[in-house]
Every structure is written in C-alpha cells, then in structure tokens.
Amino acid sequence: MITREGSVATPRAPELLPRLCRHFAKKARSTWGERCGEVEFPWGHCHVEASDAELTFRCTAADEAAMAQVQNVLDLHVGMFSRRDPLRVEWH
C-alpha cells in the first residue's frame, strides 16, 4: 500500500472541501462534514481535511499506477474549482 500527502495553501479550504467531495460523489463514494471528507475512488482512497488556511489530502493506493490516477484526479479538480485564482496541490 502506498501513501502520499498533498496540500493546497488557501483561505478558501473550508469552501473547497464540500464542493470537491460533492462533485466526487457523482462517481465515487464520498462523505464529508464541515472540515473533513473521505472519497473512495476506484483506484484508491483519499482523506481530505480543511483548516482555515490549507486543504490537506492523505491518499492511499495499491501501487504507483493507482496513486498516479488518484493524484491526477485531485490535481485536475482542484485546478477546475479554482479557475479564478488557480491553485495547485503540492505533493510530498
């Protein structure tokens, strides 16, 4: 099992978390509350947390190929939901 973390520095984190999870819920099992959420993608799992200044992703997947898919989906959607003020996930 592979684990990877990423973050986005933004004061809009509490607003972005439910928007992302609600969007993912159209195709993946998703649950969320005010400050955290879970998304079960076909390729892996992602735990999302929002603070006042940062959105944090903790992702797990079976292998590197599956992790690449999880990261790609998150990268694309964070970018899509922040078009006016583009944001990028910094993966560590």
PDB file of N, CA and C in Angstrom:
ATOM      1  N   MET A   1       0.857  -1.178   0.000  1.00  0.00           N
ATOM      2  CA  MET A   1       0.000   0.000   0.000  1.00  0.00           C
ATOM      3  C   MET A   1       0.900   1.237   0.000  1.00  0.00           C
ATOM      4  N   ILE A   2       0.588   2.173  -0.851  1.00  0.00           N
ATOM      5  CA  ILE A   2       1.339   3.420  -0.966  1.00  0.00           C
ATOM      6  C   ILE A   2       0.523   4.550  -0.349  1.00  0.00           C
ATOM      7  N   THR A   3       1.198   5.432   0.368  1.00  0.00           N
ATOM      8  CA  THR A   3       0.546   6.601   0.957  1.00  0.00           C
ATOM      9  C   THR A   3       1.252   7.849   0.469  1.00  0.00           C
ATOM     10  N   ARG A   4       0.483   8.870   0.158  1.00  0.00           N
ATOM     11  CA  ARG A   4       1.049  10.140  -0.266  1.00  0.00           C
ATOM     12  C   ARG A   4       0.193  11.259   0.296  1.00  0.00           C
ATOM     13  N   GLU A   5       0.849  12.362   0.651  1.00  0.00           N
ATOM     14  CA  GLU A   5       0.137  13.530   1.164  1.00  0.00           C
ATOM     15  C   GLU A   5       0.366  14.721   0.253  1.00  0.00           C
ATOM     16  N   GLY A   6      -0.641  15.566   0.188  1.00  0.00           N
ATOM     17  CA  GLY A   6      -0.552  16.790  -0.585  1.00  0.00           C
ATOM     18  C   GLY A   6      -1.305  17.890   0.134  1.00  0.00           C
ATOM     19  N   SER A   7      -0.998  19.121  -0.237  1.00  0.00           N
ATOM     20  CA  SER A   7      -1.695  20.244   0.397  1.00  0.00           C
ATOM     21  C   SER A   7      -1.811  21.411  -0.568  1.00  0.00           C
ATOM     22  N   VAL A   8      -2.789  22.249  -0.270  1.00  0.00           N
ATOM     23  CA  VAL A   8      -3.046  23.472  -1.028  1.00  0.00           C
ATOM     24  C   VAL A   8      -3.220  24.587  -0.008  1.00  0.00           C
ATOM     25  N   ALA A   9      -2.347  25.566  -0.052  1.00  0.00           N
ATOM     26  CA  ALA A   9      -2.478  26.712   0.846  1.00  0.00           C
ATOM     27  C   ALA A   9      -3.531  27.655   0.276  1.00  0.00           C
ATOM     28  N   THR A  10      -4.641  27.806   0.987  1.00  0.00           N
ATOM     29  CA  THR A  10      -5.709  28.699   0.551  1.00  0.00           C
ATOM     30  C   THR A  10      -6.662  28.992   1.710  1.00  0.00           C
ATOM     31  N   PRO A  11      -7.063  30.245   1.849  1.00  0.00           N
ATOM     32  CA  PRO A  11      -8.070  30.556   2.867  1.00  0.00           C
ATOM     33  C   PRO A  11      -9.465  30.058   2.464  1.00  0.00           C
ATOM     34  N   ARG A  12      -9.594  29.551   1.236  1.00  0.00           N
ATOM     35  CA  ARG A  12     -10.871  29.024   0.749  1.00  0.00           C
ATOM     36  C   ARG A  12     -11.039  27.528   1.017  1.00  0.00           C
ATOM     37  N   ALA A  13     -10.135  26.932   1.786  1.00  0.00           N
ATOM     38  CA  ALA A  13     -10.176  25.490   2.042  1.00  0.00           C
ATOM     39  C   ALA A  13     -11.532  25.018   2.579  1.00  0.00           C
ATOM     40  N   PRO A  14     -12.119  25.701   3.588  1.00  0.00           N
ATOM     41  CA  PRO A  14     -13.420  25.236   4.093  1.00  0.00           C
ATOM     42  C   PRO A  14     -14.536  25.282   3.041  1.00  0.00           C
ATOM     43  N   GLU A  15     -14.398  26.146   2.067  1.00  0.00           N
ATOM     44  CA  GLU A  15     -15.384  26.237   0.977  1.00  0.00           C
ATOM     45  C   GLU A  15     -15.126  25.161  -0.080  1.00  0.00           C
ATOM     46  N   LEU A  16     -13.846  24.879  -0.370  1.00  0.00           N
ATOM     47  CA  LEU A  16     -13.498  23.924  -1.418  1.00  0.00           C
ATOM     48  C   LEU A  16     -13.780  22.476  -1.024  1.00  0.00           C
ATOM     49  N   LEU A  17     -13.573  22.123   0.234  1.00  0.00           N
ATOM     50  CA  LEU A  17     -13.738  20.734   0.657  1.00  0.00           C
ATOM     51  C   LEU A  17     -15.124  20.185   0.310  1.00  0.00           C
ATOM     52  N   PRO A  18     -16.216  20.805   0.722  1.00  0.00           N
ATOM     53  CA  PRO A  18     -17.522  20.220   0.376  1.00  0.00           C
ATOM     54  C   PRO A  18     -17.814  20.266  -1.124  1.00  0.00           C
ATOM     55  N   ARG A  19     -17.313  21.269  -1.810  1.00  0.00           N
ATOM     56  CA  ARG A  19     -17.532  21.340  -3.264  1.00  0.00           C
ATOM     57  C   ARG A  19     -16.860  20.168  -3.962  1.00  0.00           C
ATOM     58  N   LEU A  20     -15.608  19.884  -3.597  1.00  0.00           N
ATOM     59  CA  LEU A  20     -14.881  18.767  -4.196  1.00  0.00           C
ATOM     60  C   LEU A  20     -15.568  17.439  -3.869  1.00  0.00           C
ATOM     61  N   CYS A  21     -15.863  17.213  -2.593  1.00  0.00           N
ATOM     62  CA  CYS A  21     -16.484  15.948  -2.183  1.00  0.00           C
ATOM     63  C   CYS A  21     -17.855  15.744  -2.821  1.00  0.00           C
ATOM     64  N   ARG A  22     -18.638  16.800  -2.890  1.00  0.00           N
ATOM     65  CA  ARG A  22     -19.964  16.712  -3.512  1.00  0.00           C
ATOM     66  C   ARG A  22     -19.814  16.351  -4.996  1.00  0.00           C
ATOM     67  N   HIS A  23     -18.837  16.952  -5.656  1.00  0.00           N
ATOM     68  CA  HIS A  23     -18.595  16.651  -7.064  1.00  0.00           C
ATOM     69  C   HIS A  23     -18.151  15.193  -7.241  1.00  0.00           C
ATOM     70  N   PHE A  24     -17.203  14.738  -6.404  1.00  0.00           N
ATOM     71  CA  PHE A  24     -16.728  13.360  -6.497  1.00  0.00           C
ATOM     72  C   PHE A  24     -17.845  12.364  -6.205  1.00  0.00           C
ATOM     73  N   ALA A  25     -18.805  12.745  -5.386  1.00  0.00           N
ATOM     74  CA  ALA A  25     -19.905  11.845  -5.019  1.00  0.00           C
ATOM     75  C   ALA A  25     -20.752  11.436  -6.221  1.00  0.00           C
ATOM     76  N   LYS A  26     -20.633  12.148  -7.320  1.00  0.00           N
ATOM     77  CA  LYS A  26     -21.375  11.779  -8.525  1.00  0.00           C
ATOM     78  C   LYS A  26     -20.871  10.460  -9.105  1.00  0.00           C
ATOM     79  N   LYS A  27     -19.575  10.132  -8.847  1.00  0.00           N
ATOM     80  CA  LYS A  27     -18.993   8.915  -9.430  1.00  0.00           C
ATOM     81  C   LYS A  27     -18.271   8.027  -8.422  1.00  0.00           C
ATOM     82  N   ALA A  28     -18.052   8.513  -7.224  1.00  0.00           N
ATOM     83  CA  ALA A  28     -17.319   7.734  -6.216  1.00  0.00           C
ATOM     84  C   ALA A  28     -18.016   7.896  -4.865  1.00  0.00           C
ATOM     85  N   ARG A  29     -17.876   6.905  -4.007  1.00  0.00           N
ATOM     86  CA  ARG A  29     -18.468   7.009  -2.673  1.00  0.00           C
ATOM     87  C   ARG A  29     -17.736   8.100  -1.900  1.00  0.00           C
ATOM     88  N   SER A  30     -18.468   9.090  -1.450  1.00  0.00           N
ATOM     89  CA  SER A  30     -17.889  10.236  -0.747  1.00  0.00           C
ATOM     90  C   SER A  30     -18.740  10.602   0.462  1.00  0.00           C
ATOM     91  N   THR A  31     -18.053  10.965   1.532  1.00  0.00           N
ATOM     92  CA  THR A  31     -18.723  11.502   2.704  1.00  0.00           C
ATOM     93  C   THR A  31     -17.931  12.723   3.145  1.00  0.00           C
ATOM     94  N   TRP A  32     -18.615  13.686   3.747  1.00  0.00           N
ATOM     95  CA  TRP A  32     -17.914  14.883   4.192  1.00  0.00           C
ATOM     96  C   TRP A  32     -18.715  15.595   5.245  1.00  0.00           C
ATOM     97  N   GLY A  33     -17.971  16.343   6.024  1.00  0.00           N
ATOM     98  CA  GLY A  33     -18.550  17.200   7.041  1.00  0.00           C
ATOM     99  C   GLY A  33     -18.006  18.599   6.835  1.00  0.00           C
ATOM    100  N   GLU A  34     -18.017  19.377   7.885  1.00  0.00           N
ATOM    101  CA  GLU A  34     -17.584  20.762   7.783  1.00  0.00           C
ATOM    102  C   GLU A  34     -16.084  20.902   7.499  1.00  0.00           C
ATOM    103  N   ARG A  35     -15.269  20.040   8.096  1.00  0.00           N
ATOM    104  CA  ARG A  35     -13.810  20.187   7.987  1.00  0.00           C
ATOM    105  C   ARG A  35     -13.067  18.961   7.477  1.00  0.00           C
ATOM    106  N   CYS A  36     -13.776  17.844   7.223  1.00  0.00           N
ATOM    107  CA  CYS A  36     -13.069  16.680   6.683  1.00  0.00           C
ATOM    108  C   CYS A  36     -13.999  15.873   5.787  1.00  0.00           C
ATOM    109  N   GLY A  37     -13.383  15.093   4.914  1.00  0.00           N
ATOM    110  CA  GLY A  37     -14.143  14.264   3.993  1.00  0.00           C
ATOM    111  C   GLY A  37     -13.357  13.031   3.602  1.00  0.00           C
ATOM    112  N   GLU A  38     -14.052  12.066   3.032  1.00  0.00           N
ATOM    113  CA  GLU A  38     -13.459  10.814   2.563  1.00  0.00           C
ATOM    114  C   GLU A  38     -13.994  10.550   1.158  1.00  0.00           C
ATOM    115  N   VAL A  39     -13.089  10.155   0.263  1.00  0.00           N
ATOM    116  CA  VAL A  39     -13.500   9.793  -1.089  1.00  0.00           C
ATOM    117  C   VAL A  39     -12.887   8.436  -1.410  1.00  0.00           C
ATOM    118  N   GLU A  40     -13.723   7.504  -1.834  1.00  0.00           N
ATOM    119  CA  GLU A  40     -13.277   6.166  -2.200  1.00  0.00           C
ATOM    120  C   GLU A  40     -13.318   6.060  -3.722  1.00  0.00           C
ATOM    121  N   PHE A  41     -12.173   6.361  -4.352  1.00  0.00           N
ATOM    122  CA  PHE A  41     -12.064   6.253  -5.804  1.00  0.00           C
ATOM    123  C   PHE A  41     -11.905   4.773  -6.183  1.00  0.00           C
ATOM    124  N   PRO A  42     -12.155   4.423  -7.442  1.00  0.00           N
ATOM    125  CA  PRO A  42     -11.915   3.039  -7.862  1.00  0.00           C
ATOM    126  C   PRO A  42     -10.445   2.615  -7.702  1.00  0.00           C
ATOM    127  N   TRP A  43      -9.525   3.582  -7.705  1.00  0.00           N
ATOM    128  CA  TRP A  43      -8.087   3.294  -7.657  1.00  0.00           C
ATOM    129  C   TRP A  43      -7.477   3.490  -6.282  1.00  0.00           C
ATOM    130  N   GLY A  44      -8.161   4.150  -5.376  1.00  0.00           N
ATOM    131  CA  GLY A  44      -7.590   4.399  -4.064  1.00  0.00           C
ATOM    132  C   GLY A  44      -8.515   5.241  -3.196  1.00  0.00           C
ATOM    133  N   HIS A  45      -8.006   5.613  -2.055  1.00  0.00           N
ATOM    134  CA  HIS A  45      -8.784   6.334  -1.051  1.00  0.00           C
ATOM    135  C   HIS A  45      -8.124   7.680  -0.758  1.00  0.00           C
ATOM    136  N   CYS A  46      -8.943   8.683  -0.448  1.00  0.00           N
ATOM    137  CA  CYS A  46      -8.411   9.995  -0.089  1.00  0.00           C
ATOM    138  C   CYS A  46      -9.174  10.556   1.106  1.00  0.00           C
ATOM    139  N   HIS A  47      -8.411  10.958   2.111  1.00  0.00           N
ATOM    140  CA  HIS A  47      -8.955  11.662   3.271  1.00  0.00           C
ATOM    141  C   HIS A  47      -8.607  13.130   3.070  1.00  0.00           C
ATOM    142  N   VAL A  48      -9.594  14.002   3.169  1.00  0.00           N
ATOM    143  CA  VAL A  48      -9.403  15.440   2.941  1.00  0.00           C
ATOM    144  C   VAL A  48      -9.720  16.191   4.227  1.00  0.00           C
ATOM    145  N   GLU A  49      -8.861  17.139   4.577  1.00  0.00           N
ATOM    146  CA  GLU A  49      -9.105  17.995   5.739  1.00  0.00           C
ATOM    147  C   GLU A  49      -8.944  19.451   5.326  1.00  0.00           C
ATOM    148  N   ALA A  50      -9.757  20.301   5.927  1.00  0.00           N
ATOM    149  CA  ALA A  50      -9.683  21.736   5.657  1.00  0.00           C
ATOM    150  C   ALA A  50      -9.443  22.491   6.956  1.00  0.00           C
ATOM    151  N   SER A  51      -8.399  23.295   6.963  1.00  0.00           N
ATOM    152  CA  SER A  51      -8.188  24.231   8.069  1.00  0.00           C
ATOM    153  C   SER A  51      -8.568  25.608   7.531  1.00  0.00           C
ATOM    154  N   ASP A  52      -8.362  26.640   8.303  1.00  0.00           N
ATOM    155  CA  ASP A  52      -8.676  27.988   7.821  1.00  0.00           C
ATOM    156  C   ASP A  52      -7.724  28.444   6.719  1.00  0.00           C
ATOM    157  N   ALA A  53      -6.570  27.776   6.595  1.00  0.00           N
ATOM    158  CA  ALA A  53      -5.555  28.228   5.646  1.00  0.00           C
ATOM    159  C   ALA A  53      -5.057  27.163   4.685  1.00  0.00           C
ATOM    160  N   GLU A  54      -5.565  25.912   4.811  1.00  0.00           N
ATOM    161  CA  GLU A  54      -4.988  24.841   3.999  1.00  0.00           C
ATOM    162  C   GLU A  54      -5.959  23.683   3.800  1.00  0.00           C
ATOM    163  N   LEU A  55      -5.898  23.115   2.603  1.00  0.00           N
ATOM    164  CA  LEU A  55      -6.616  21.894   2.265  1.00  0.00           C
ATOM    165  C   LEU A  55      -5.561  20.794   2.196  1.00  0.00           C
ATOM    166  N   THR A  56      -5.753  19.702   2.944  1.00  0.00           N
ATOM    167  CA  THR A  56      -4.769  18.629   3.017  1.00  0.00           C
ATOM    168  C   THR A  56      -5.381  17.326   2.526  1.00  0.00           C
ATOM    169  N   PHE A  57      -4.622  16.596   1.719  1.00  0.00           N
ATOM    170  CA  PHE A  57      -5.053  15.312   1.177  1.00  0.00           C
ATOM    171  C   PHE A  57      -4.124  14.211   1.702  1.00  0.00           C
ATOM    172  N   ARG A  58      -4.675  13.124   2.232  1.00  0.00           N
ATOM    173  CA  ARG A  58      -3.912  11.930   2.605  1.00  0.00           C
ATOM    174  C   ARG A  58      -4.477  10.786   1.784  1.00  0.00           C
ATOM    175  N   CYS A  59      -3.689  10.314   0.832  1.00  0.00           N
ATOM    176  CA  CYS A  59      -4.178   9.335  -0.131  1.00  0.00           C
ATOM    177  C   CYS A  59      -3.462   7.999   0.017  1.00  0.00           C
ATOM    178  N   THR A  60      -4.186   6.921  -0.231  1.00  0.00           N
ATOM    179  CA  THR A  60      -3.605   5.588  -0.260  1.00  0.00           C
ATOM    180  C   THR A  60      -4.063   4.882  -1.530  1.00  0.00           C
ATOM    181  N   ALA A  61      -3.176   4.033  -2.052  1.00  0.00           N
ATOM    182  CA  ALA A  61      -3.486   3.253  -3.247  1.00  0.00           C
ATOM    183  C   ALA A  61      -2.627   1.988  -3.226  1.00  0.00           C
ATOM    184  N   ALA A  62      -3.022   1.003  -4.016  1.00  0.00           N
ATOM    185  CA  ALA A  62      -2.336  -0.281  -4.022  1.00  0.00           C
ATOM    186  C   ALA A  62      -0.940  -0.204  -4.635  1.00  0.00           C
ATOM    187  N   ASP A  63      -0.765   0.642  -5.660  1.00  0.00           N
ATOM    188  CA  ASP A  63       0.531   0.727  -6.333  1.00  0.00           C
ATOM    189  C   ASP A  63       0.727   2.120  -6.928  1.00  0.00           C
ATOM    190  N   GLU A  64       1.880   2.343  -7.540  1.00  0.00           N
ATOM    191  CA  GLU A  64       2.206   3.666  -8.090  1.00  0.00           C
ATOM    192  C   GLU A  64       1.252   4.089  -9.209  1.00  0.00           C
ATOM    193  N   ALA A  65       0.833   3.145 -10.044  1.00  0.00           N
ATOM    194  CA  ALA A  65      -0.089   3.487 -11.138  1.00  0.00           C
ATOM    195  C   ALA A  65      -1.431   3.963 -10.583  1.00  0.00           C
ATOM    196  N   ALA A  66      -1.935   3.277  -9.578  1.00  0.00           N
ATOM    197  CA  ALA A  66      -3.201   3.679  -8.963  1.00  0.00           C
ATOM    198  C   ALA A  66      -3.049   5.020  -8.255  1.00  0.00           C
ATOM    199  N   MET A  67      -1.913   5.234  -7.570  1.00  0.00           N
ATOM    200  CA  MET A  67      -1.673   6.513  -6.893  1.00  0.00           C
ATOM    201  C   MET A  67      -1.607   7.652  -7.907  1.00  0.00           C
ATOM    202  N   ALA A  68      -0.996   7.401  -9.046  1.00  0.00           N
ATOM    203  CA  ALA A  68      -0.923   8.428 -10.086  1.00  0.00           C
ATOM    204  C   ALA A  68      -2.319   8.835 -10.539  1.00  0.00           C
ATOM    205  N   GLN A  69      -3.247   7.883 -10.623  1.00  0.00           N
ATOM    206  CA  GLN A  69      -4.621   8.206 -11.011  1.00  0.00           C
ATOM    207  C   GLN A  69      -5.307   9.052  -9.942  1.00  0.00           C
ATOM    208  N   VAL A  70      -5.127   8.688  -8.678  1.00  0.00           N
ATOM    209  CA  VAL A  70      -5.726   9.469  -7.587  1.00  0.00           C
ATOM    210  C   VAL A  70      -5.191  10.898  -7.623  1.00  0.00           C
ATOM    211  N   GLN A  71      -3.871  11.033  -7.726  1.00  0.00           N
ATOM    212  CA  GLN A  71      -3.268  12.369  -7.746  1.00  0.00           C
ATOM    213  C   GLN A  71      -3.740  13.167  -8.961  1.00  0.00           C
ATOM    214  N   ASN A  72      -3.824  12.526 -10.106  1.00  0.00           N
ATOM    215  CA  ASN A  72      -4.261  13.219 -11.319  1.00  0.00           C
ATOM    216  C   ASN A  72      -5.678  13.763 -11.167  1.00  0.00           C
ATOM    217  N   VAL A  73      -6.583  12.948 -10.625  1.00  0.00           N
ATOM    218  CA  VAL A  73      -7.969  13.388 -10.436  1.00  0.00           C
ATOM    219  C   VAL A  73      -8.017  14.583  -9.476  1.00  0.00           C
ATOM    220  N   LEU A  74      -7.269  14.505  -8.377  1.00  0.00           N
ATOM    221  CA  LEU A  74      -7.262  15.620  -7.421  1.00  0.00           C
ATOM    222  C   LEU A  74      -6.644  16.868  -8.039  1.00  0.00           C
ATOM    223  N   ASP A  75      -5.527  16.721  -8.750  1.00  0.00           N
ATOM    224  CA  ASP A  75      -4.893  17.871  -9.400  1.00  0.00           C
ATOM    225  C   ASP A  75      -5.848  18.556 -10.375  1.00  0.00           C
ATOM    226  N   LEU A  76      -6.501  17.756 -11.213  1.00  0.00           N
ATOM    227  CA  LEU A  76      -7.428  18.320 -12.211  1.00  0.00           C
ATOM    228  C   LEU A  76      -8.595  19.052 -11.554  1.00  0.00           C
ATOM    229  N   HIS A  77      -9.168  18.452 -10.525  1.00  0.00           N
ATOM    230  CA  HIS A  77     -10.361  19.048  -9.918  1.00  0.00           C
ATOM    231  C   HIS A  77     -10.043  20.245  -9.037  1.00  0.00           C
ATOM    232  N   VAL A  78      -8.924  20.231  -8.338  1.00  0.00           N
ATOM    233  CA  VAL A  78      -8.535  21.428  -7.582  1.00  0.00           C
ATOM    234  C   VAL A  78      -8.329  22.578  -8.558  1.00  0.00           C
ATOM    235  N   GLY A  79      -7.673  22.312  -9.674  1.00  0.00           N
ATOM    236  CA  GLY A  79      -7.494  23.343 -10.699  1.00  0.00           C
ATOM    237  C   GLY A  79      -8.815  23.823 -11.276  1.00  0.00           C
ATOM    238  N   MET A  80      -9.725  22.897 -11.533  1.00  0.00           N
ATOM    239  CA  MET A  80     -11.021  23.232 -12.114  1.00  0.00           C
ATOM    240  C   MET A  80     -11.857  24.098 -11.168  1.00  0.00           C
ATOM    241  N   PHE A  81     -11.810  23.797  -9.870  1.00  0.00           N
ATOM    242  CA  PHE A  81     -12.615  24.542  -8.904  1.00  0.00           C
ATOM    243  C   PHE A  81     -11.952  25.840  -8.444  1.00  0.00           C
ATOM    244  N   SER A  82     -10.794  26.150  -8.985  1.00  0.00           N
ATOM    245  CA  SER A  82     -10.114  27.391  -8.593  1.00  0.00           C
ATOM    246  C   SER A  82      -9.660  28.185  -9.806  1.00  0.00           C
ATOM    247  N   ARG A  83     -10.424  28.160 -10.852  1.00  0.00           N
ATOM    248  CA  ARG A  83     -10.037  28.830 -12.102  1.00  0.00           C
ATOM    249  C   ARG A  83      -9.754  30.317 -11.937  1.00  0.00           C
ATOM    250  N   ARG A  84     -10.565  31.008 -11.147  1.00  0.00           N
ATOM    251  CA  ARG A  84     -10.372  32.458 -10.976  1.00  0.00           C
ATOM    252  C   ARG A  84      -9.056  32.780 -10.285  1.00  0.00           C
ATOM    253  N   ASP A  85      -8.695  31.958  -9.337  1.00  0.00           N
ATOM    254  CA  ASP A  85      -7.449  32.127  -8.580  1.00  0.00           C
ATOM    255  C   ASP A  85      -6.796  30.750  -8.523  1.00  0.00           C
ATOM    256  N   PRO A  86      -6.091  30.342  -9.609  1.00  0.00           N
ATOM    257  CA  PRO A  86      -5.613  28.963  -9.748  1.00  0.00           C
ATOM    258  C   PRO A  86      -4.790  28.458  -8.556  1.00  0.00           C
ATOM    259  N   LEU A  87      -5.130  27.244  -8.131  1.00  0.00           N
ATOM    260  CA  LEU A  87      -4.431  26.577  -7.026  1.00  0.00           C
ATOM    261  C   LEU A  87      -3.821  25.279  -7.550  1.00  0.00           C
ATOM    262  N   ARG A  88      -2.727  24.870  -6.905  1.00  0.00           N
ATOM    263  CA  ARG A  88      -2.074  23.601  -7.239  1.00  0.00           C
ATOM    264  C   ARG A  88      -1.838  22.807  -5.976  1.00  0.00           C
ATOM    265  N   VAL A  89      -2.002  21.499  -6.103  1.00  0.00           N
ATOM    266  CA  VAL A  89      -1.687  20.611  -4.990  1.00  0.00           C
ATOM    267  C   VAL A  89      -0.181  20.405  -4.980  1.00  0.00           C
ATOM    268  N   GLU A  90       0.426  20.613  -3.819  1.00  0.00           N
ATOM    269  CA  GLU A  90       1.858  20.324  -3.635  1.00  0.00           C
ATOM    270  C   GLU A  90       1.953  18.961  -2.973  1.00  0.00           C
ATOM    271  N   TRP A  91       2.456  17.980  -3.710  1.00  0.00           N
ATOM    272  CA  TRP A  91       2.568  16.609  -3.208  1.00  0.00           C
ATOM    273  C   TRP A  91       3.896  16.406  -2.516  1.00  0.00           C
ATOM    274  N   HIS A  92       3.878  15.737  -1.356  1.00  0.00           N
ATOM    275  CA  HIS A  92       5.108  15.450  -0.623  1.00  0.00           C
ATOM    276  C   HIS A  92       5.238  13.938  -0.457  1.00  0.00           C
TER     277      HIS A  92
END
